[in-house]
Every structure is written in C-alpha cells, then in structure tokens.
Amino acid sequence: MSVLHVTNGDSAAGTLRTFLDDPVLVTCDVLHDGPAPLVDGDRWYETRAQFLTDGFGARYDETRASLAAFDRTIADARQRGEVVLWFEHDLFDQLLLIRTLDVLVPGEPRAGEHGFVSLICIGEFPGVDRFIGLGQLTAEQLASLYPVRQRVTDEQFALARAAWRAFRSADPRGFADMMHADTHALPFLAGAIQRLFEEYPSTANGLSWTRHAILRALSAGPLDAMDLFRVTQQEEARPFLGDCGFFDMLRDLSKGRHALVTIAPDRPSLDLRGSIVSITDTGRDVLERRSDAVVLNGIDEWRGGVHLEGDHRSPWRWDAGAKTLVS
C-alpha cells in the first residue's frame, strides 16, 4: 500500500525525508491572512493565488497551479493507500489541518472508499521545554511519533468540515461559537479559533494582539525589524506567524493617515531585516488607549471569509477581557 505524508513547512518536511521512503508533500498557504471566502474549485485557487501574488511576491500562474495540484495529489493518494498528516497545535497548522481533512473527504464518507487517513498532531514533546513546531524536532524524535499515529475518525472529519465552512463564512459568529462548542475530536482547534479572533481589532484601542505586542515592545525603544519579530513571538503561546507576514504588518502600521510606527530604511523588498522600527507619538496614544487605530486609519483586512472594512470603524471587534466577539 502506498503512503503519502503531508506536513506544513520545509523544515519538518526535510527532516521527515531523512527517514521516510514515501513522498512528503508540503502545504503552506497562510490561511489566517487574506481572503478565504466560501467558494471552492477554480474560484478558491484564483482567490488565494491572487492574494499570495499581491502580498508575498509569488507568481500567480505557478501559485494557482500549485494549490490545485496539492488538492489533486492528496485526494488521489487516499484512493490508493494511506495519507499521513503531520501537524501541530498553532493557528497556522490548525487551519491547514481542517482544510486538508475537508479536501480528503469533502462530503459524507462513501461506502467502499479506498485507503484511509491518519493523523499526528501534537502540542508538546517530551524533553522540549518550549515546543513551537515539528520543525524543531530531530529525525529520531519525529520517527518516534510515526508508530503512534491515529486513524482519523468520522467525528474528526465532520468537525473539520463544519469548522472549515464556518471559518469561510462572511458572518464570523458561527466560527466564534465553536470556541465554546465540543471540539474534543480536534483538541487544539478551539484555542486556534480564539487566536484568530485575537487578530481582530480590539474593543480597547483597535489593535490586534500582534499589533499591540509590536507597539508594546517598541515603547521601550527602537528595534531592528527581525529582533522585533523575535521579541513578539516569544510572547506567543503557540507561534504561528512568519517573518514575511510580520514585516507586512509593520508596513501597514507605518502607513495610513496616522502612522503608528516608522521604518528606516523602508525597503521595497519583503525582507525588512536591518531596518529600524520606532513607535510614533500617535502609536503611543493608541497603545495607551487614548486613541483608536481603526478610528484613525480605518481598516481593510480579511479574516477567513470576513472582510473587515470601514473608514472609521470595524464591523466586528474582539473583547479580550470577556474573550468574545462583539459587533
């Protein structure tokens, strides 16, 4: 029986390939960023490819083809044998996991289907003080997980399908409700959902969790962009953000009617390493809740299927104290 392994990230994939004879496929779409509407097939590939082209400098045709090829590959592999999913506990991986499970079984399982899907999904590893992801484990450590993989159950498939649909809805309330629903079948999902909503503008000052962490770190003094990335990620219980996405966020904070940070020099390239980031007086006002970031600069962001847009307000905000979504 043939086996296909699927994971997120080239680091983990590279280590898996050192001891696995079977093919290893990488999935790495940043689903927590950019539009992820309730569409499928060609419209899905076109939407994501356009965003990745605009935001990360990818080539549209190649990206669209790659997204479609991934779906075909894992769907075909399940018909021939086993698909092994290697994921972890953070927001990035949990969104990729529910989407991959939905692609593998887009509807109710059909009697007589060939092959099966098994899952390795961890949030810690013995002897690793701060587990961040599979990419930090050695080949020996990863290999120890393979024999204890678990076959994905109908309950897990059903939960993944429901979560994937709710994430892509234009109304975020259904996805928010899943934070408090029974999601034990995928034990890291509820925490990932909460982390997504923490990236909504807050009721306190219009800043997402990450943007607030950026300004808080800069309040002590300017920092190199890469050092700033490392400092903020140390505060994350489950780091999920890549440096490119982080640098794009810094640029967003430096633009608009009222800049909250300055970047010197602000290079046109994606990489801001070597640039110094400083907080502005307006940024300090927002950090201290004397001003609101959305009121100052408006908002135009996507979180799954939800388009947060408005010149002076956001249609949805996150109340960190109550841990709830508010309109």
C-alpha atoms as a PDB file:
ATOM      1  CA  MET A   1       0.000   0.000   0.000  1.00  0.00           C
ATOM      2  CA  SER A   2       1.352   3.425  -0.946  1.00  0.00           C
ATOM      3  CA  VAL A   3       1.701   6.158   1.687  1.00  0.00           C
ATOM      4  CA  LEU A   4       1.739   9.930   1.250  1.00  0.00           C
ATOM      5  CA  HIS A   5       2.913  12.185   4.102  1.00  0.00           C
ATOM      6  CA  VAL A   6       1.618  15.758   4.375  1.00  0.00           C
ATOM      7  CA  THR A   7       3.049  18.456   6.633  1.00  0.00           C
ATOM      8  CA  ASN A   8       3.428  22.209   6.949  1.00  0.00           C
ATOM      9  CA  GLY A   9       6.857  23.704   6.434  1.00  0.00           C
ATOM     10  CA  ASP A  10      10.020  22.807   4.581  1.00  0.00           C
ATOM     11  CA  SER A  11      11.956  22.298   7.807  1.00  0.00           C
ATOM     12  CA  ALA A  12       9.775  19.474   9.085  1.00  0.00           C
ATOM     13  CA  ALA A  13       9.441  18.033   5.576  1.00  0.00           C
ATOM     14  CA  GLY A  14      13.212  17.971   5.135  1.00  0.00           C
ATOM     15  CA  THR A  15      13.673  16.043   8.375  1.00  0.00           C
ATOM     16  CA  LEU A  16      10.874  13.602   7.539  1.00  0.00           C
ATOM     17  CA  ARG A  17      12.541  12.824   4.222  1.00  0.00           C
ATOM     18  CA  THR A  18      15.703  11.690   6.018  1.00  0.00           C
ATOM     19  CA  PHE A  19      13.981   8.579   7.406  1.00  0.00           C
ATOM     20  CA  LEU A  20      10.836   8.085   5.306  1.00  0.00           C
ATOM     21  CA  ASP A  21      10.963   6.328   1.939  1.00  0.00           C
ATOM     22  CA  ASP A  22       7.496   7.572   0.979  1.00  0.00           C
ATOM     23  CA  PRO A  23       6.858  11.009  -0.596  1.00  0.00           C
ATOM     24  CA  VAL A  24       6.379  14.044   1.671  1.00  0.00           C
ATOM     25  CA  LEU A  25       4.084  16.841   0.486  1.00  0.00           C
ATOM     26  CA  VAL A  26       4.219  20.371   1.941  1.00  0.00           C
ATOM     27  CA  THR A  27       1.201  22.630   2.432  1.00  0.00           C
ATOM     28  CA  CYS A  28       1.914  26.213   3.474  1.00  0.00           C
ATOM     29  CA  ASP A  29      -0.901  28.586   2.489  1.00  0.00           C
ATOM     30  CA  VAL A  30      -1.229  31.332   5.132  1.00  0.00           C
ATOM     31  CA  LEU A  31      -4.958  30.836   5.582  1.00  0.00           C
ATOM     32  CA  HIS A  32      -5.197  33.163   8.587  1.00  0.00           C
ATOM     33  CA  ASP A  33      -4.240  36.045   6.294  1.00  0.00           C
ATOM     34  CA  GLY A  34      -6.090  37.328   3.248  1.00  0.00           C
ATOM     35  CA  PRO A  35      -9.464  36.368   1.772  1.00  0.00           C
ATOM     36  CA  ALA A  36     -10.680  32.818   2.332  1.00  0.00           C
ATOM     37  CA  PRO A  37     -14.309  33.023   1.162  1.00  0.00           C
ATOM     38  CA  LEU A  38     -16.907  30.289   0.941  1.00  0.00           C
ATOM     39  CA  VAL A  39     -16.010  29.205  -2.595  1.00  0.00           C
ATOM     40  CA  ASP A  40     -14.368  26.062  -3.954  1.00  0.00           C
ATOM     41  CA  GLY A  41     -12.562  24.750  -7.015  1.00  0.00           C
ATOM     42  CA  ASP A  42     -11.219  27.260  -9.512  1.00  0.00           C
ATOM     43  CA  ARG A  43     -12.636  30.265  -7.661  1.00  0.00           C
ATOM     44  CA  TRP A  44     -10.783  29.206  -4.498  1.00  0.00           C
ATOM     45  CA  TYR A  45      -7.463  28.729  -6.285  1.00  0.00           C
ATOM     46  CA  GLU A  46      -7.843  32.047  -8.086  1.00  0.00           C
ATOM     47  CA  THR A  47      -8.694  33.956  -4.895  1.00  0.00           C
ATOM     48  CA  ARG A  48      -5.808  32.575  -2.857  1.00  0.00           C
ATOM     49  CA  ALA A  49      -3.307  32.791  -5.718  1.00  0.00           C
ATOM     50  CA  GLN A  50      -4.153  36.452  -6.274  1.00  0.00           C
ATOM     51  CA  PHE A  51      -3.678  37.260  -2.596  1.00  0.00           C
ATOM     52  CA  LEU A  52      -0.379  35.372  -2.360  1.00  0.00           C
ATOM     53  CA  THR A  53       0.812  37.073  -5.533  1.00  0.00           C
ATOM     54  CA  ASP A  54      -0.032  40.553  -4.254  1.00  0.00           C
ATOM     55  CA  GLY A  55       1.096  40.047  -0.666  1.00  0.00           C
ATOM     56  CA  PHE A  56       4.106  37.775  -0.879  1.00  0.00           C
ATOM     57  CA  GLY A  57       5.539  38.312  -4.332  1.00  0.00           C
ATOM     58  CA  ALA A  58       4.523  34.880  -5.608  1.00  0.00           C
ATOM     59  CA  ARG A  59       3.869  34.220  -9.302  1.00  0.00           C
ATOM     60  CA  TYR A  60       0.144  33.920  -9.948  1.00  0.00           C
ATOM     61  CA  ASP A  61       0.133  31.074 -12.503  1.00  0.00           C
ATOM     62  CA  GLU A  62       2.597  28.976 -10.535  1.00  0.00           C
ATOM     63  CA  THR A  63       0.806  29.547  -7.240  1.00  0.00           C
ATOM     64  CA  ARG A  64      -2.625  28.740  -8.641  1.00  0.00           C
ATOM     65  CA  ALA A  65      -1.293  25.558 -10.251  1.00  0.00           C
ATOM     66  CA  SER A  66       0.446  24.552  -7.028  1.00  0.00           C
ATOM     67  CA  LEU A  67      -2.701  24.983  -4.929  1.00  0.00           C
ATOM     68  CA  ALA A  68      -4.741  22.885  -7.341  1.00  0.00           C
ATOM     69  CA  ALA A  69      -2.019  20.236  -7.609  1.00  0.00           C
ATOM     70  CA  PHE A  70      -1.903  19.818  -3.823  1.00  0.00           C
ATOM     71  CA  ASP A  71      -5.622  19.058  -3.674  1.00  0.00           C
ATOM     72  CA  ARG A  72      -5.421  16.565  -6.530  1.00  0.00           C
ATOM     73  CA  THR A  73      -2.400  14.827  -5.064  1.00  0.00           C
ATOM     74  CA  ILE A  74      -3.843  14.135  -1.627  1.00  0.00           C
ATOM     75  CA  ALA A  75      -7.276  13.198  -2.997  1.00  0.00           C
ATOM     76  CA  ASP A  76      -5.688  10.716  -5.416  1.00  0.00           C
ATOM     77  CA  ALA A  77      -3.369   9.356  -2.717  1.00  0.00           C
ATOM     78  CA  ARG A  78      -6.271   8.479  -0.464  1.00  0.00           C
ATOM     79  CA  GLN A  79      -7.790   6.354  -3.198  1.00  0.00           C
ATOM     80  CA  ARG A  80      -4.586   4.316  -3.421  1.00  0.00           C
ATOM     81  CA  GLY A  81      -3.480   3.990   0.178  1.00  0.00           C
ATOM     82  CA  GLU A  82      -2.762   5.906   3.363  1.00  0.00           C
ATOM     83  CA  VAL A  83      -2.366   9.656   3.813  1.00  0.00           C
ATOM     84  CA  VAL A  84      -0.455  10.607   6.976  1.00  0.00           C
ATOM     85  CA  LEU A  85      -0.965  14.161   8.246  1.00  0.00           C
ATOM     86  CA  TRP A  86       1.807  15.692  10.378  1.00  0.00           C
ATOM     87  CA  PHE A  87       0.606  18.895  12.053  1.00  0.00           C
ATOM     88  CA  GLU A  88       0.915  20.863  15.268  1.00  0.00           C
ATOM     89  CA  HIS A  89      -1.150  22.967  17.643  1.00  0.00           C
ATOM     90  CA  ASP A  90      -0.907  26.532  16.321  1.00  0.00           C
ATOM     91  CA  LEU A  91      -3.366  28.593  14.278  1.00  0.00           C
ATOM     92  CA  PHE A  92      -1.413  28.196  11.024  1.00  0.00           C
ATOM     93  CA  ASP A  93      -1.458  24.399  11.226  1.00  0.00           C
ATOM     94  CA  GLN A  94      -4.978  24.002  12.577  1.00  0.00           C
ATOM     95  CA  LEU A  95      -6.461  25.911   9.646  1.00  0.00           C
ATOM     96  CA  LEU A  96      -4.389  23.857   7.211  1.00  0.00           C
ATOM     97  CA  LEU A  97      -5.498  20.696   9.011  1.00  0.00           C
ATOM     98  CA  ILE A  98      -9.243  21.372   8.788  1.00  0.00           C
ATOM     99  CA  ARG A  99      -8.920  22.351   5.143  1.00  0.00           C
ATOM    100  CA  THR A 100      -6.870  19.244   4.296  1.00  0.00           C
ATOM    101  CA  LEU A 101      -9.395  16.983   6.018  1.00  0.00           C
ATOM    102  CA  ASP A 102     -12.207  18.699   4.114  1.00  0.00           C
ATOM    103  CA  VAL A 103     -10.390  18.153   0.807  1.00  0.00           C
ATOM    104  CA  LEU A 104      -9.821  14.489   1.643  1.00  0.00           C
ATOM    105  CA  VAL A 105     -13.495  13.929   2.467  1.00  0.00           C
ATOM    106  CA  PRO A 106     -15.463  16.916   1.105  1.00  0.00           C
ATOM    107  CA  GLY A 107     -18.826  15.281   1.854  1.00  0.00           C
ATOM    108  CA  GLU A 108     -20.060  12.350   3.851  1.00  0.00           C
ATOM    109  CA  PRO A 109     -17.701   9.347   3.543  1.00  0.00           C
ATOM    110  CA  ARG A 110     -18.871   6.921   0.868  1.00  0.00           C
ATOM    111  CA  ALA A 111     -19.134   3.222   1.496  1.00  0.00           C
ATOM    112  CA  GLY A 112     -16.347   1.305  -0.211  1.00  0.00           C
ATOM    113  CA  GLU A 113     -13.856   4.196  -0.301  1.00  0.00           C
ATOM    114  CA  HIS A 114     -10.284   3.015  -0.577  1.00  0.00           C
ATOM    115  CA  GLY A 115      -7.431   3.997   1.682  1.00  0.00           C
ATOM    116  CA  PHE A 116      -7.539   5.913   4.926  1.00  0.00           C
ATOM    117  CA  VAL A 117      -6.143   8.972   6.649  1.00  0.00           C
ATOM    118  CA  SER A 118      -4.073   9.014   9.829  1.00  0.00           C
ATOM    119  CA  LEU A 119      -3.041  11.961  11.957  1.00  0.00           C
ATOM    120  CA  ILE A 120      -0.086  13.055  14.047  1.00  0.00           C
ATOM    121  CA  CYS A 121      -0.868  16.363  15.771  1.00  0.00           C
ATOM    122  CA  ILE A 122       0.985  17.435  18.907  1.00  0.00           C
ATOM    123  CA  GLY A 123       1.298  20.471  21.150  1.00  0.00           C
ATOM    124  CA  GLU A 124       4.327  19.333  23.136  1.00  0.00           C
ATOM    125  CA  PHE A 125       7.159  16.835  23.052  1.00  0.00           C
ATOM    126  CA  PRO A 126       8.977  15.195  25.994  1.00  0.00           C
ATOM    127  CA  GLY A 127      12.226  16.980  26.789  1.00  0.00           C
ATOM    128  CA  VAL A 128      11.423  20.063  24.687  1.00  0.00           C
ATOM    129  CA  ASP A 129      10.900  22.972  27.085  1.00  0.00           C
ATOM    130  CA  ARG A 130       9.100  25.229  24.609  1.00  0.00           C
ATOM    131  CA  PHE A 131       7.565  23.271  21.786  1.00  0.00           C
ATOM    132  CA  ILE A 132       6.975  25.546  18.792  1.00  0.00           C
ATOM    133  CA  GLY A 133       6.564  23.084  15.946  1.00  0.00           C
ATOM    134  CA  LEU A 134       7.604  19.864  14.274  1.00  0.00           C
ATOM    135  CA  GLY A 135      10.449  21.659  12.527  1.00  0.00           C
ATOM    136  CA  GLN A 136      12.441  21.891  15.768  1.00  0.00           C
ATOM    137  CA  LEU A 137      12.418  18.110  16.324  1.00  0.00           C
ATOM    138  CA  THR A 138      15.187  15.755  15.252  1.00  0.00           C
ATOM    139  CA  ALA A 139      14.678  12.845  12.885  1.00  0.00           C
ATOM    140  CA  GLU A 140      14.732  10.449  15.833  1.00  0.00           C
ATOM    141  CA  GLN A 141      12.093  12.455  17.676  1.00  0.00           C
ATOM    142  CA  LEU A 142       9.829  12.673  14.631  1.00  0.00           C
ATOM    143  CA  ALA A 143      10.279   8.987  13.880  1.00  0.00           C
ATOM    144  CA  SER A 144       9.027   8.144  17.380  1.00  0.00           C
ATOM    145  CA  LEU A 145       5.667   9.728  16.502  1.00  0.00           C
ATOM    146  CA  TYR A 146       5.043   7.633  13.407  1.00  0.00           C
ATOM    147  CA  PRO A 147       4.094   4.331  15.086  1.00  0.00           C
ATOM    148  CA  VAL A 148       1.530   6.062  17.332  1.00  0.00           C
ATOM    149  CA  ARG A 149      -0.347   7.883  14.569  1.00  0.00           C
ATOM    150  CA  GLN A 150      -4.114   7.615  14.850  1.00  0.00           C
ATOM    151  CA  ARG A 151      -6.611   6.916  12.113  1.00  0.00           C
ATOM    152  CA  VAL A 152      -8.840   9.941  11.514  1.00  0.00           C
ATOM    153  CA  THR A 153     -12.379   9.247  12.684  1.00  0.00           C
ATOM    154  CA  ASP A 154     -15.711  10.202  11.130  1.00  0.00           C
ATOM    155  CA  GLU A 155     -16.181  12.618  14.053  1.00  0.00           C
ATOM    156  CA  GLN A 156     -12.914  14.387  13.214  1.00  0.00           C
ATOM    157  CA  PHE A 157     -13.822  14.630   9.538  1.00  0.00           C
ATOM    158  CA  ALA A 158     -17.248  16.055  10.420  1.00  0.00           C
ATOM    159  CA  LEU A 159     -15.794  18.617  12.834  1.00  0.00           C
ATOM    160  CA  ALA A 160     -13.177  19.690  10.290  1.00  0.00           C
ATOM    161  CA  ARG A 161     -15.827  20.146   7.582  1.00  0.00           C
ATOM    162  CA  ALA A 162     -18.017  22.234   9.905  1.00  0.00           C
ATOM    163  CA  ALA A 163     -15.092  24.351  11.093  1.00  0.00           C
ATOM    164  CA  TRP A 164     -13.764  24.921   7.575  1.00  0.00           C
ATOM    165  CA  ARG A 165     -17.157  26.113   6.391  1.00  0.00           C
ATOM    166  CA  ALA A 166     -17.645  28.361   9.443  1.00  0.00           C
ATOM    167  CA  PHE A 167     -14.171  29.889   9.006  1.00  0.00           C
ATOM    168  CA  ARG A 168     -15.008  30.879   5.418  1.00  0.00           C
ATOM    169  CA  SER A 169     -18.429  32.347   6.208  1.00  0.00           C
ATOM    170  CA  ALA A 170     -18.934  36.091   5.830  1.00  0.00           C
ATOM    171  CA  ASP A 171     -20.599  36.018   9.261  1.00  0.00           C
ATOM    172  CA  PRO A 172     -17.987  35.167  11.934  1.00  0.00           C
ATOM    173  CA  ARG A 173     -20.455  34.272  14.683  1.00  0.00           C
ATOM    174  CA  GLY A 174     -20.692  30.613  13.762  1.00  0.00           C
ATOM    175  CA  PHE A 175     -16.918  30.191  13.926  1.00  0.00           C
ATOM    176  CA  ALA A 176     -16.799  32.133  17.203  1.00  0.00           C
ATOM    177  CA  ASP A 177     -19.435  29.810  18.683  1.00  0.00           C
ATOM    178  CA  MET A 178     -17.104  26.870  18.044  1.00  0.00           C
ATOM    179  CA  MET A 179     -14.733  28.227  20.695  1.00  0.00           C
ATOM    180  CA  HIS A 180     -17.292  27.118  23.267  1.00  0.00           C
ATOM    181  CA  ALA A 181     -18.618  24.016  21.472  1.00  0.00           C
ATOM    182  CA  ASP A 182     -17.479  20.420  21.875  1.00  0.00           C
ATOM    183  CA  THR A 183     -14.317  20.243  19.768  1.00  0.00           C
ATOM    184  CA  HIS A 184     -12.542  17.485  21.696  1.00  0.00           C
ATOM    185  CA  ALA A 185     -12.138  15.473  18.494  1.00  0.00           C
ATOM    186  CA  LEU A 186      -9.586  18.082  17.373  1.00  0.00           C
ATOM    187  CA  PRO A 187      -8.242  19.233  20.758  1.00  0.00           C
ATOM    188  CA  PHE A 188      -6.226  22.236  19.543  1.00  0.00           C
ATOM    189  CA  LEU A 189      -8.964  23.707  17.366  1.00  0.00           C
ATOM    190  CA  ALA A 190     -10.750  25.844  19.972  1.00  0.00           C
ATOM    191  CA  GLY A 191      -7.518  27.542  21.007  1.00  0.00           C
ATOM    192  CA  ALA A 192      -6.651  28.229  17.382  1.00  0.00           C
ATOM    193  CA  ILE A 193     -10.076  29.762  16.769  1.00  0.00           C
ATOM    194  CA  GLN A 194      -9.626  32.093  19.741  1.00  0.00           C
ATOM    195  CA  ARG A 195      -6.188  33.088  18.462  1.00  0.00           C
ATOM    196  CA  LEU A 196      -7.706  34.011  15.104  1.00  0.00           C
ATOM    197  CA  PHE A 197     -10.251  36.282  16.754  1.00  0.00           C
ATOM    198  CA  GLU A 198      -7.484  37.898  18.813  1.00  0.00           C
ATOM    199  CA  GLU A 199      -6.216  39.208  15.469  1.00  0.00           C
ATOM    200  CA  TYR A 200      -9.461  41.148  15.052  1.00  0.00           C
ATOM    201  CA  PRO A 201      -9.280  44.823  16.143  1.00  0.00           C
ATOM    202  CA  SER A 202      -9.762  45.050  19.888  1.00  0.00           C
ATOM    203  CA  THR A 203     -12.536  46.946  21.630  1.00  0.00           C
ATOM    204  CA  ALA A 204      -9.848  48.719  23.691  1.00  0.00           C
ATOM    205  CA  ASN A 205      -7.819  50.503  21.007  1.00  0.00           C
ATOM    206  CA  GLY A 206      -8.498  48.912  17.619  1.00  0.00           C
ATOM    207  CA  LEU A 207      -5.276  46.895  17.632  1.00  0.00           C
ATOM    208  CA  SER A 208      -4.964  43.181  17.021  1.00  0.00           C
ATOM    209  CA  TRP A 209      -2.987  41.087  19.535  1.00  0.00           C
ATOM    210  CA  THR A 210       0.111  41.139  17.319  1.00  0.00           C
ATOM    211  CA  ARG A 211      -0.061  44.860  16.555  1.00  0.00           C
ATOM    212  CA  HIS A 212      -0.475  45.610  20.252  1.00  0.00           C
ATOM    213  CA  ALA A 213       2.555  43.417  21.038  1.00  0.00           C
ATOM    214  CA  ILE A 214       4.563  45.338  18.422  1.00  0.00           C
ATOM    215  CA  LEU A 215       3.787  48.741  19.905  1.00  0.00           C
ATOM    216  CA  ARG A 216       4.335  47.478  23.439  1.00  0.00           C
ATOM    217  CA  ALA A 217       7.783  46.145  22.509  1.00  0.00           C
ATOM    218  CA  LEU A 218       8.694  49.417  20.761  1.00  0.00           C
ATOM    219  CA  SER A 219       7.615  51.527  23.729  1.00  0.00           C
ATOM    220  CA  ALA A 220      10.967  50.663  25.342  1.00  0.00           C
ATOM    221  CA  GLY A 221      12.899  51.867  22.297  1.00  0.00           C
ATOM    222  CA  PRO A 222      13.503  51.240  18.565  1.00  0.00           C
ATOM    223  CA  LEU A 223      14.343  47.720  17.381  1.00  0.00           C
ATOM    224  CA  ASP A 224      15.633  46.026  14.263  1.00  0.00           C
ATOM    225  CA  ALA A 225      12.634  44.523  12.440  1.00  0.00           C
ATOM    226  CA  MET A 226      13.905  40.953  12.853  1.00  0.00           C
ATOM    227  CA  ASP A 227      14.668  41.477  16.547  1.00  0.00           C
ATOM    228  CA  LEU A 228      11.173  42.898  16.950  1.00  0.00           C
ATOM    229  CA  PHE A 229       9.762  39.775  15.308  1.00  0.00           C
ATOM    230  CA  ARG A 230      11.661  37.544  17.742  1.00  0.00           C
ATOM    231  CA  VAL A 231      10.599  39.584  20.787  1.00  0.00           C
ATOM    232  CA  THR A 232       6.905  39.475  19.918  1.00  0.00           C
ATOM    233  CA  GLN A 233       6.987  35.772  19.056  1.00  0.00           C
ATOM    234  CA  GLN A 234       8.452  34.982  22.470  1.00  0.00           C
ATOM    235  CA  GLU A 235       5.158  36.205  23.927  1.00  0.00           C
ATOM    236  CA  GLU A 236       3.131  33.769  21.793  1.00  0.00           C
ATOM    237  CA  ALA A 237       1.970  30.590  23.481  1.00  0.00           C
ATOM    238  CA  ARG A 238       1.652  28.969  20.037  1.00  0.00           C
ATOM    239  CA  PRO A 239       3.674  30.950  17.467  1.00  0.00           C
ATOM    240  CA  PHE A 240       2.078  30.853  14.025  1.00  0.00           C
ATOM    241  CA  LEU A 241       3.239  33.987  12.215  1.00  0.00           C
ATOM    242  CA  GLY A 242       6.051  34.006   9.662  1.00  0.00           C
ATOM    243  CA  ASP A 243       8.519  36.864   9.293  1.00  0.00           C
ATOM    244  CA  CYS A 244       7.165  37.955   5.884  1.00  0.00           C
ATOM    245  CA  GLY A 245       3.650  38.332   7.256  1.00  0.00           C
ATOM    246  CA  PHE A 246       5.061  40.166  10.255  1.00  0.00           C
ATOM    247  CA  PHE A 247       7.026  42.590   8.073  1.00  0.00           C
ATOM    248  CA  ASP A 248       3.897  43.253   6.028  1.00  0.00           C
ATOM    249  CA  MET A 249       2.113  44.131   9.266  1.00  0.00           C
ATOM    250  CA  LEU A 250       4.887  46.581  10.166  1.00  0.00           C
ATOM    251  CA  ARG A 251       4.444  48.306   6.827  1.00  0.00           C
ATOM    252  CA  ASP A 252       0.724  48.569   7.441  1.00  0.00           C
ATOM    253  CA  LEU A 253       1.367  50.228  10.805  1.00  0.00           C
ATOM    254  CA  SER A 254       3.706  52.721   9.125  1.00  0.00           C
ATOM    255  CA  LYS A 255       1.129  53.808   6.544  1.00  0.00           C
ATOM    256  CA  GLY A 256      -2.333  55.325   6.622  1.00  0.00           C
ATOM    257  CA  ARG A 257      -3.447  58.778   7.669  1.00  0.00           C
ATOM    258  CA  HIS A 258      -1.671  58.456  11.015  1.00  0.00           C
ATOM    259  CA  ALA A 259       1.454  56.277  11.145  1.00  0.00           C
ATOM    260  CA  LEU A 260       1.835  54.270  14.344  1.00  0.00           C
ATOM    261  CA  VAL A 261       5.453  53.272  13.605  1.00  0.00           C
ATOM    262  CA  THR A 262       8.289  54.431  11.376  1.00  0.00           C
ATOM    263  CA  ILE A 263      10.671  52.161   9.433  1.00  0.00           C
ATOM    264  CA  ALA A 264      14.142  53.318   8.434  1.00  0.00           C
ATOM    265  CA  PRO A 265      15.048  52.475   5.794  1.00  0.00           C
ATOM    266  CA  ASP A 266      11.708  51.191   4.421  1.00  0.00           C
ATOM    267  CA  ARG A 267      12.872  48.904   1.635  1.00  0.00           C
ATOM    268  CA  PRO A 268      10.534  47.884  -1.186  1.00  0.00           C
ATOM    269  CA  SER A 269      11.550  44.220  -0.715  1.00  0.00           C
ATOM    270  CA  LEU A 270       9.604  41.854   1.539  1.00  0.00           C
ATOM    271  CA  ASP A 271      12.560  41.466   3.899  1.00  0.00           C
ATOM    272  CA  LEU A 272      12.907  44.243   6.488  1.00  0.00           C
ATOM    273  CA  ARG A 273      15.859  42.775   8.358  1.00  0.00           C
ATOM    274  CA  GLY A 274      18.302  45.590   9.029  1.00  0.00           C
ATOM    275  CA  SER A 275      15.583  48.254   9.138  1.00  0.00           C
ATOM    276  CA  ILE A 276      14.959  50.041  12.438  1.00  0.00           C
ATOM    277  CA  VAL A 277      11.354  50.303  13.631  1.00  0.00           C
ATOM    278  CA  SER A 278      10.253  53.047  16.053  1.00  0.00           C
ATOM    279  CA  ILE A 279       6.929  53.930  17.646  1.00  0.00           C
ATOM    280  CA  THR A 280       5.385  57.328  16.852  1.00  0.00           C
ATOM    281  CA  ASP A 281       3.603  59.657  19.264  1.00  0.00           C
ATOM    282  CA  THR A 282       0.330  58.539  17.685  1.00  0.00           C
ATOM    283  CA  GLY A 283       1.363  54.939  18.235  1.00  0.00           C
ATOM    284  CA  ARG A 284       1.915  55.673  21.934  1.00  0.00           C
ATOM    285  CA  ASP A 285      -1.526  57.285  22.140  1.00  0.00           C
ATOM    286  CA  VAL A 286      -3.101  54.158  20.683  1.00  0.00           C
ATOM    287  CA  LEU A 287      -1.049  51.864  22.921  1.00  0.00           C
ATOM    288  CA  GLU A 288      -2.195  53.832  25.977  1.00  0.00           C
ATOM    289  CA  ARG A 289      -5.819  53.715  24.734  1.00  0.00           C
ATOM    290  CA  ARG A 290      -6.069  57.455  24.241  1.00  0.00           C
ATOM    291  CA  SER A 291      -6.799  56.864  20.546  1.00  0.00           C
ATOM    292  CA  ASP A 292      -8.218  54.051  18.440  1.00  0.00           C
ATOM    293  CA  ALA A 293      -6.254  52.624  15.497  1.00  0.00           C
ATOM    294  CA  VAL A 294      -9.331  51.910  13.380  1.00  0.00           C
ATOM    295  CA  VAL A 295     -10.866  55.325  14.015  1.00  0.00           C
ATOM    296  CA  LEU A 296      -7.563  56.911  12.983  1.00  0.00           C
ATOM    297  CA  ASN A 297      -6.765  54.848   9.895  1.00  0.00           C
ATOM    298  CA  GLY A 298      -9.777  52.721   9.010  1.00  0.00           C
ATOM    299  CA  ILE A 299      -9.435  49.020   8.286  1.00  0.00           C
ATOM    300  CA  ASP A 300      -9.285  46.756   5.229  1.00  0.00           C
ATOM    301  CA  GLU A 301      -8.394  43.190   6.232  1.00  0.00           C
ATOM    302  CA  TRP A 302      -9.665  39.666   5.731  1.00  0.00           C
ATOM    303  CA  ARG A 303     -10.034  37.017   8.420  1.00  0.00           C
ATOM    304  CA  GLY A 304     -11.229  33.910   6.665  1.00  0.00           C
ATOM    305  CA  GLY A 305     -14.455  34.809   4.884  1.00  0.00           C
ATOM    306  CA  VAL A 306     -14.925  38.011   6.887  1.00  0.00           C
ATOM    307  CA  HIS A 307     -13.920  41.279   5.263  1.00  0.00           C
ATOM    308  CA  LEU A 308     -13.184  43.806   7.986  1.00  0.00           C
ATOM    309  CA  GLU A 309     -13.507  47.145   6.262  1.00  0.00           C
ATOM    310  CA  GLY A 310     -14.514  50.676   7.134  1.00  0.00           C
ATOM    311  CA  ASP A 311     -13.087  54.177   7.121  1.00  0.00           C
ATOM    312  CA  HIS A 312     -13.616  54.866  10.820  1.00  0.00           C
ATOM    313  CA  ARG A 313     -14.899  51.618  12.317  1.00  0.00           C
ATOM    314  CA  SER A 314     -14.758  47.841  12.100  1.00  0.00           C
ATOM    315  CA  PRO A 315     -17.918  45.745  11.770  1.00  0.00           C
ATOM    316  CA  TRP A 316     -16.515  43.277  14.308  1.00  0.00           C
ATOM    317  CA  ARG A 317     -14.182  43.608  17.285  1.00  0.00           C
ATOM    318  CA  TRP A 318     -12.604  41.325  19.867  1.00  0.00           C
ATOM    319  CA  ASP A 319     -13.225  41.917  23.578  1.00  0.00           C
ATOM    320  CA  ALA A 320     -10.095  40.468  25.190  1.00  0.00           C
ATOM    321  CA  GLY A 321     -11.460  40.762  28.728  1.00  0.00           C
ATOM    322  CA  ALA A 322     -14.654  38.857  28.007  1.00  0.00           C
ATOM    323  CA  LYS A 323     -12.950  36.688  25.338  1.00  0.00           C
ATOM    324  CA  THR A 324     -15.807  37.270  22.966  1.00  0.00           C
ATOM    325  CA  LEU A 325     -16.567  38.715  19.548  1.00  0.00           C
ATOM    326  CA  VAL A 326     -18.703  41.856  19.502  1.00  0.00           C
ATOM    327  CA  SER A 327     -20.367  43.813  16.732  1.00  0.00           C
END
